[in-house]
C-alpha atoms as a PDB file:
ATOM      1  CA  MET A   1      23.542  62.683  70.591  1.00  0.00           C
ATOM      2  CA  SER A   2      27.078  63.085  71.848  1.00  0.00           C
ATOM      3  CA  SER A   3      29.644  60.637  70.501  1.00  0.00           C
ATOM      4  CA  THR A   4      31.460  60.101  73.805  1.00  0.00           C
ATOM      5  CA  PHE A   5      30.748  60.536  77.475  1.00  0.00           C
ATOM      6  CA  SER A   6      32.064  59.366  80.827  1.00  0.00           C
ATOM      7  CA  LEU A   7      30.182  56.303  82.002  1.00  0.00           C
ATOM      8  CA  PRO A   8      28.739  55.953  85.506  1.00  0.00           C
ATOM      9  CA  ALA A   9      27.961  52.614  87.110  1.00  0.00           C
ATOM     10  CA  SER A  10      25.431  51.500  84.489  1.00  0.00           C
ATOM     11  CA  ARG A  11      26.264  51.791  80.804  1.00  0.00           C
ATOM     12  CA  THR A  12      22.709  50.797  79.956  1.00  0.00           C
ATOM     13  CA  GLU A  13      21.260  53.762  81.886  1.00  0.00           C
ATOM     14  CA  VAL A  14      23.498  56.197  80.034  1.00  0.00           C
ATOM     15  CA  VAL A  15      22.674  54.672  76.666  1.00  0.00           C
ATOM     16  CA  LEU A  16      18.997  54.630  77.614  1.00  0.00           C
ATOM     17  CA  ASP A  17      19.030  58.340  78.464  1.00  0.00           C
ATOM     18  CA  GLU A  18      20.900  59.206  75.255  1.00  0.00           C
ATOM     19  CA  ILE A  19      18.542  57.282  72.972  1.00  0.00           C
ATOM     20  CA  ARG A  20      15.478  58.612  74.809  1.00  0.00           C
ATOM     21  CA  ARG A  21      16.770  62.161  74.440  1.00  0.00           C
ATOM     22  CA  GLY A  22      17.477  61.567  70.746  1.00  0.00           C
ATOM     23  CA  ILE A  23      13.915  60.379  70.181  1.00  0.00           C
ATOM     24  CA  LEU A  24      12.279  63.161  72.190  1.00  0.00           C
ATOM     25  CA  THR A  25      14.323  65.862  70.431  1.00  0.00           C
ATOM     26  CA  ARG A  26      13.525  64.323  67.017  1.00  0.00           C
ATOM     27  CA  GLU A  27      17.188  63.730  66.303  1.00  0.00           C
ATOM     28  CA  LEU A  28      16.002  60.150  65.862  1.00  0.00           C
ATOM     29  CA  LYS A  29      12.967  60.438  63.587  1.00  0.00           C
ATOM     30  CA  PRO A  30       9.630  58.582  63.858  1.00  0.00           C
ATOM     31  CA  GLY A  31       9.905  55.253  62.052  1.00  0.00           C
ATOM     32  CA  GLN A  32      13.700  55.473  61.843  1.00  0.00           C
ATOM     33  CA  PRO A  33      15.420  52.072  62.181  1.00  0.00           C
ATOM     34  CA  LEU A  34      17.535  51.742  65.329  1.00  0.00           C
ATOM     35  CA  VAL A  35      20.489  49.569  64.360  1.00  0.00           C
ATOM     36  CA  GLU A  36      22.381  48.268  67.386  1.00  0.00           C
ATOM     37  CA  ALA A  37      25.802  48.376  65.732  1.00  0.00           C
ATOM     38  CA  GLU A  38      25.315  51.952  64.501  1.00  0.00           C
ATOM     39  CA  LEU A  39      24.084  53.213  67.863  1.00  0.00           C
ATOM     40  CA  ALA A  40      26.897  51.414  69.690  1.00  0.00           C
ATOM     41  CA  ALA A  41      29.518  53.019  67.459  1.00  0.00           C
ATOM     42  CA  ARG A  42      27.907  56.425  67.793  1.00  0.00           C
ATOM     43  CA  LEU A  43      27.777  56.211  71.596  1.00  0.00           C
ATOM     44  CA  GLY A  44      31.154  54.532  72.051  1.00  0.00           C
ATOM     45  CA  VAL A  45      29.836  51.390  73.753  1.00  0.00           C
ATOM     46  CA  SER A  46      29.334  47.726  72.923  1.00  0.00           C
ATOM     47  CA  LYS A  47      26.072  46.450  71.439  1.00  0.00           C
ATOM     48  CA  THR A  48      24.970  44.860  74.735  1.00  0.00           C
ATOM     49  CA  PRO A  49      23.889  48.052  76.584  1.00  0.00           C
ATOM     50  CA  VAL A  50      22.263  49.311  73.377  1.00  0.00           C
ATOM     51  CA  ARG A  51      20.258  46.090  73.083  1.00  0.00           C
ATOM     52  CA  GLU A  52      19.199  46.333  76.743  1.00  0.00           C
ATOM     53  CA  ALA A  53      18.249  50.000  76.383  1.00  0.00           C
ATOM     54  CA  LEU A  54      16.134  49.321  73.298  1.00  0.00           C
ATOM     55  CA  LYS A  55      14.228  46.629  75.202  1.00  0.00           C
ATOM     56  CA  VAL A  56      13.465  49.079  78.013  1.00  0.00           C
ATOM     57  CA  LEU A  57      12.372  51.755  75.529  1.00  0.00           C
ATOM     58  CA  SER A  58      10.145  49.212  73.828  1.00  0.00           C
ATOM     59  CA  ASN A  59       8.410  48.595  77.153  1.00  0.00           C
ATOM     60  CA  THR A  60       7.929  52.341  77.720  1.00  0.00           C
ATOM     61  CA  GLY A  61       6.568  52.915  74.205  1.00  0.00           C
ATOM     62  CA  LEU A  62       9.327  54.886  72.466  1.00  0.00           C
ATOM     63  CA  VAL A  63      10.602  51.968  70.379  1.00  0.00           C
ATOM     64  CA  THR A  64       8.760  49.310  68.396  1.00  0.00           C
ATOM     65  CA  PHE A  65      10.078  45.929  67.307  1.00  0.00           C
ATOM     66  CA  SER A  66       9.229  44.181  64.059  1.00  0.00           C
ATOM     67  CA  PRO A  67      10.176  40.550  63.406  1.00  0.00           C
ATOM     68  CA  TYR A  68      11.463  41.551  59.962  1.00  0.00           C
ATOM     69  CA  LYS A  69      12.774  45.093  60.421  1.00  0.00           C
ATOM     70  CA  GLY A  70      14.002  45.027  64.030  1.00  0.00           C
ATOM     71  CA  ALA A  71      13.816  48.104  66.271  1.00  0.00           C
ATOM     72  CA  SER A  72      12.580  51.509  65.116  1.00  0.00           C
ATOM     73  CA  VAL A  73      11.353  54.762  66.643  1.00  0.00           C
ATOM     74  CA  CYS A  74       7.652  54.629  67.478  1.00  0.00           C
ATOM     75  CA  VAL A  75       5.284  56.555  65.194  1.00  0.00           C
ATOM     76  CA  VAL A  76       2.504  58.485  66.929  1.00  0.00           C
ATOM     77  CA  ASP A  77      -0.998  58.227  65.497  1.00  0.00           C
ATOM     78  CA  ALA A  78      -4.403  59.362  66.761  1.00  0.00           C
ATOM     79  CA  GLU A  79      -5.230  55.984  68.282  1.00  0.00           C
ATOM     80  CA  LEU A  80      -2.063  55.988  70.401  1.00  0.00           C
ATOM     81  CA  ALA A  81      -2.586  59.595  71.494  1.00  0.00           C
ATOM     82  CA  LYS A  82      -6.188  58.924  72.531  1.00  0.00           C
ATOM     83  CA  SER A  83      -5.270  55.743  74.426  1.00  0.00           C
ATOM     84  CA  VAL A  84      -2.453  57.327  76.422  1.00  0.00           C
ATOM     85  CA  TYR A  85      -4.291  60.538  77.215  1.00  0.00           C
ATOM     86  CA  ASP A  86      -7.483  58.681  78.107  1.00  0.00           C
ATOM     87  CA  VAL A  87      -5.598  56.919  80.909  1.00  0.00           C
ATOM     88  CA  ARG A  88      -3.915  60.165  81.963  1.00  0.00           C
ATOM     89  CA  MET A  89      -7.236  62.014  82.074  1.00  0.00           C
ATOM     90  CA  VAL A  90      -8.673  59.363  84.401  1.00  0.00           C
ATOM     91  CA  LEU A  91      -5.695  58.805  86.705  1.00  0.00           C
ATOM     92  CA  GLU A  92      -3.473  61.882  86.820  1.00  0.00           C
ATOM     93  CA  PRO A  93      -5.971  64.501  88.062  1.00  0.00           C
ATOM     94  CA  GLU A  94      -7.099  62.074  90.771  1.00  0.00           C
ATOM     95  CA  ALA A  95      -3.489  61.388  91.752  1.00  0.00           C
ATOM     96  CA  VAL A  96      -2.812  65.127  91.972  1.00  0.00           C
ATOM     97  CA  ARG A  97      -5.986  65.670  93.994  1.00  0.00           C
ATOM     98  CA  ARG A  98      -4.814  63.082  96.513  1.00  0.00           C
ATOM     99  CA  SER A  99      -1.282  64.507  96.557  1.00  0.00           C
ATOM    100  CA  VAL A 100      -2.598  67.969  97.403  1.00  0.00           C
ATOM    101  CA  GLU A 101      -4.827  66.560 100.122  1.00  0.00           C
ATOM    102  CA  ARG A 102      -1.825  64.752 101.619  1.00  0.00           C
ATOM    103  CA  ARG A 103       0.234  67.976 101.484  1.00  0.00           C
ATOM    104  CA  SER A 104       3.731  67.014 100.336  1.00  0.00           C
ATOM    105  CA  PRO A 105       5.779  70.255 100.598  1.00  0.00           C
ATOM    106  CA  ASP A 106       8.942  68.662  99.184  1.00  0.00           C
ATOM    107  CA  LEU A 107       7.120  67.584  96.040  1.00  0.00           C
ATOM    108  CA  LEU A 108       5.543  71.008  95.587  1.00  0.00           C
ATOM    109  CA  GLU A 109       9.001  72.498  95.966  1.00  0.00           C
ATOM    110  CA  ASP A 110      10.296  70.204  93.196  1.00  0.00           C
ATOM    111  CA  ALA A 111       7.363  71.183  90.970  1.00  0.00           C
ATOM    112  CA  ALA A 112       8.095  74.867  91.617  1.00  0.00           C
ATOM    113  CA  GLU A 113      11.784  74.370  90.805  1.00  0.00           C
ATOM    114  CA  ALA A 114      10.894  72.587  87.545  1.00  0.00           C
ATOM    115  CA  LEU A 115       8.610  75.490  86.650  1.00  0.00           C
ATOM    116  CA  LYS A 116      11.372  77.994  87.408  1.00  0.00           C
ATOM    117  CA  GLU A 117      13.869  76.094  85.250  1.00  0.00           C
ATOM    118  CA  ALA A 118      11.270  75.832  82.481  1.00  0.00           C
ATOM    119  CA  SER A 119      11.013  79.620  82.441  1.00  0.00           C
ATOM    120  CA  ALA A 120      14.745  79.834  81.701  1.00  0.00           C
ATOM    121  CA  ALA A 121      14.487  77.072  79.081  1.00  0.00           C
ATOM    122  CA  LEU A 122      11.668  79.004  77.389  1.00  0.00           C
ATOM    123  CA  SER A 123      13.956  82.000  77.034  1.00  0.00           C
ATOM    124  CA  ASP A 124      16.740  79.802  75.645  1.00  0.00           C
ATOM    125  CA  LYS A 125      14.326  77.896  73.366  1.00  0.00           C
ATOM    126  CA  ASP A 126      15.787  74.677  74.750  1.00  0.00           C
ATOM    127  CA  HIS A 127      13.069  72.244  73.691  1.00  0.00           C
ATOM    128  CA  ALA A 128      14.861  69.154  74.974  1.00  0.00           C
ATOM    129  CA  ALA A 129      15.109  70.688  78.447  1.00  0.00           C
ATOM    130  CA  LEU A 130      11.463  71.804  78.317  1.00  0.00           C
ATOM    131  CA  SER A 131      10.324  68.270  77.519  1.00  0.00           C
ATOM    132  CA  LEU A 132      12.251  66.824  80.466  1.00  0.00           C
ATOM    133  CA  LEU A 133      11.068  69.590  82.818  1.00  0.00           C
ATOM    134  CA  ASN A 134       7.481  68.991  81.754  1.00  0.00           C
ATOM    135  CA  ARG A 135       7.858  65.340  82.815  1.00  0.00           C
ATOM    136  CA  ARG A 136       9.454  66.376  86.084  1.00  0.00           C
ATOM    137  CA  PHE A 137       6.713  68.908  86.884  1.00  0.00           C
ATOM    138  CA  HIS A 138       3.886  66.449  86.327  1.00  0.00           C
ATOM    139  CA  ARG A 139       5.553  63.680  88.303  1.00  0.00           C
ATOM    140  CA  ALA A 140       6.277  65.972  91.229  1.00  0.00           C
ATOM    141  CA  LEU A 141       2.570  66.712  91.505  1.00  0.00           C
ATOM    142  CA  TYR A 142       1.199  63.185  91.236  1.00  0.00           C
ATOM    143  CA  SER A 143       3.892  61.145  92.995  1.00  0.00           C
ATOM    144  CA  GLY A 144       2.672  62.062  96.486  1.00  0.00           C
ATOM    145  CA  CYS A 145      -0.771  60.517  95.993  1.00  0.00           C
ATOM    146  CA  GLY A 146      -0.078  57.673  98.429  1.00  0.00           C
ATOM    147  CA  ASN A 147      -0.874  54.910  95.921  1.00  0.00           C
ATOM    148  CA  PRO A 148       2.329  53.294  94.574  1.00  0.00           C
ATOM    149  CA  LEU A 149       0.436  51.413  91.851  1.00  0.00           C
ATOM    150  CA  MET A 150      -1.161  54.617  90.573  1.00  0.00           C
ATOM    151  CA  VAL A 151       2.263  56.278  90.494  1.00  0.00           C
ATOM    152  CA  SER A 152       3.761  53.280  88.695  1.00  0.00           C
ATOM    153  CA  ILE A 153       1.062  53.321  86.003  1.00  0.00           C
ATOM    154  CA  LEU A 154       1.536  57.049  85.406  1.00  0.00           C
ATOM    155  CA  ASP A 155       5.328  56.629  85.375  1.00  0.00           C
ATOM    156  CA  ASP A 156       4.959  53.918  82.727  1.00  0.00           C
ATOM    157  CA  LEU A 157       3.048  56.388  80.537  1.00  0.00           C
ATOM    158  CA  ARG A 158       5.635  59.156  80.767  1.00  0.00           C
ATOM    159  CA  ASP A 159       7.666  58.232  77.685  1.00  0.00           C
ATOM    160  CA  ARG A 160       4.575  57.722  75.531  1.00  0.00           C
ATOM    161  CA  ALA A 161       3.085  60.989  76.770  1.00  0.00           C
ATOM    162  CA  ALA A 162       6.357  62.817  76.083  1.00  0.00           C
ATOM    163  CA  LEU A 163       6.510  61.425  72.542  1.00  0.00           C
ATOM    164  CA  ILE A 164       2.940  62.527  71.865  1.00  0.00           C
ATOM    165  CA  SER A 165       3.760  65.953  73.309  1.00  0.00           C
ATOM    166  CA  VAL A 166       6.698  66.333  70.941  1.00  0.00           C
ATOM    167  CA  VAL A 167       4.364  65.705  67.994  1.00  0.00           C
ATOM    168  CA  GLY A 168       1.960  68.359  69.252  1.00  0.00           C
ATOM    169  CA  TRP A 169       4.715  70.868  69.932  1.00  0.00           C
ATOM    170  CA  GLU A 170       6.212  70.469  66.455  1.00  0.00           C
ATOM    171  CA  ALA A 171       3.106  71.867  64.772  1.00  0.00           C
ATOM    172  CA  ASN A 172       2.007  74.145  67.612  1.00  0.00           C
ATOM    173  CA  PRO A 173       4.827  75.191  69.954  1.00  0.00           C
ATOM    174  CA  SER A 174       2.524  76.023  72.867  1.00  0.00           C
ATOM    175  CA  TRP A 175       5.227  75.904  75.542  1.00  0.00           C
ATOM    176  CA  ARG A 176       4.394  79.293  77.017  1.00  0.00           C
ATOM    177  CA  LYS A 177       0.670  78.530  77.223  1.00  0.00           C
ATOM    178  CA  GLU A 178       1.383  75.270  79.049  1.00  0.00           C
ATOM    179  CA  TRP A 179       3.879  76.979  81.358  1.00  0.00           C
ATOM    180  CA  THR A 180       1.093  79.410  82.325  1.00  0.00           C
ATOM    181  CA  GLU A 181      -1.301  76.505  82.904  1.00  0.00           C
ATOM    182  CA  HIS A 182       1.315  74.755  85.049  1.00  0.00           C
ATOM    183  CA  LYS A 183       1.613  77.911  87.155  1.00  0.00           C
ATOM    184  CA  ALA A 184      -2.135  77.873  87.772  1.00  0.00           C
ATOM    185  CA  VAL A 185      -2.139  74.193  88.760  1.00  0.00           C
ATOM    186  CA  LEU A 186       0.773  74.729  91.139  1.00  0.00           C
ATOM    187  CA  ALA A 187      -0.840  77.814  92.669  1.00  0.00           C
ATOM    188  CA  ALA A 188      -3.996  75.820  93.435  1.00  0.00           C
ATOM    189  CA  ALA A 189      -1.909  72.993  94.894  1.00  0.00           C
ATOM    190  CA  LYS A 190       0.001  75.388  97.138  1.00  0.00           C
ATOM    191  CA  LYS A 191      -3.287  76.783  98.450  1.00  0.00           C
ATOM    192  CA  GLY A 192      -4.399  73.259  99.304  1.00  0.00           C
ATOM    193  CA  ASP A 193      -7.199  73.426  96.726  1.00  0.00           C
ATOM    194  CA  ALA A 194      -7.177  69.752  95.736  1.00  0.00           C
ATOM    195  CA  GLU A 195     -10.304  69.873  93.564  1.00  0.00           C
ATOM    196  CA  GLY A 196      -9.171  73.065  91.863  1.00  0.00           C
ATOM    197  CA  ALA A 197      -5.729  71.662  91.049  1.00  0.00           C
ATOM    198  CA  ALA A 198      -7.269  68.455  89.694  1.00  0.00           C
ATOM    199  CA  GLY A 199      -9.754  70.374  87.554  1.00  0.00           C
ATOM    200  CA  LEU A 200      -7.106  72.662  86.101  1.00  0.00           C
ATOM    201  CA  LEU A 201      -4.866  69.698  85.325  1.00  0.00           C
ATOM    202  CA  ARG A 202      -7.716  67.808  83.642  1.00  0.00           C
ATOM    203  CA  ALA A 203      -8.410  70.821  81.410  1.00  0.00           C
ATOM    204  CA  HIS A 204      -4.674  71.188  80.697  1.00  0.00           C
ATOM    205  CA  ILE A 205      -4.328  67.566  79.579  1.00  0.00           C
ATOM    206  CA  GLY A 206      -7.571  67.594  77.588  1.00  0.00           C
ATOM    207  CA  ASP A 207      -6.783  70.818  75.740  1.00  0.00           C
ATOM    208  CA  PHE A 208      -3.359  69.542  74.732  1.00  0.00           C
ATOM    209  CA  LEU A 209      -4.813  66.277  73.425  1.00  0.00           C
ATOM    210  CA  GLU A 210      -7.368  68.195  71.360  1.00  0.00           C
ATOM    211  CA  ARG A 211      -4.647  70.333  69.776  1.00  0.00           C
ATOM    212  CA  THR A 212      -2.482  67.292  69.106  1.00  0.00           C
ATOM    213  CA  LEU A 213      -5.302  65.376  67.423  1.00  0.00           C
ATOM    214  CA  GLU A 214      -5.848  68.354  65.130  1.00  0.00           C
ATOM    215  CA  THR A 215      -2.163  68.100  64.211  1.00  0.00           C
ATOM    216  CA  ILE A 216      -1.959  64.382  63.483  1.00  0.00           C
ATOM    217  CA  GLY A 217      -5.532  63.856  62.279  1.00  0.00           C
ATOM    218  CA  ASP A 218      -8.264  62.495  64.493  1.00  0.00           C
ATOM    219  CA  ALA A 219      -8.794  58.985  63.130  1.00  0.00           C
END
């Protein structure tokens, strides 16, 4: 993480983004204690925005709190991976199916742009950028489903899903395979094939979970 940066309106948002990026790039390791004073000094802010950011990241599943040890980076196990991906497998393909049926050209354009940027990130081996673009691609496809609660639930899973993805990618860097699968999902969506897009996405999510469970041990 960078030691200094120019702060926009909300210090907490900047600190939040920096800590999230540190966790998702493995600069902050699983189980590592997150000491407010150390993070504040590293980021050049007071402890207050760090404390607020850690609370938000606890709610999204990247940080855990212990009454004795305080905050630490969440550790991914098979139970967590199954729980998160079980919800995704039920909700996300259905949300994408509805989005395609509703035909949201702006969202498809955003998904296509994320895919294009991911191609460049693949060439640069920029794993942090690939993780963020993966989130952006998926959200662009499901956010037009017309059900704000469904979108909110999937949004709430994004950090947990990203953390699980990082674990899978460490042992099996399957970025290019997933980029190809994303292309197929987007192509079906652009054709208006709602069922096809949903089916391809379901297979995409399921295959990744299977590979990840092989990596971390299927409990």
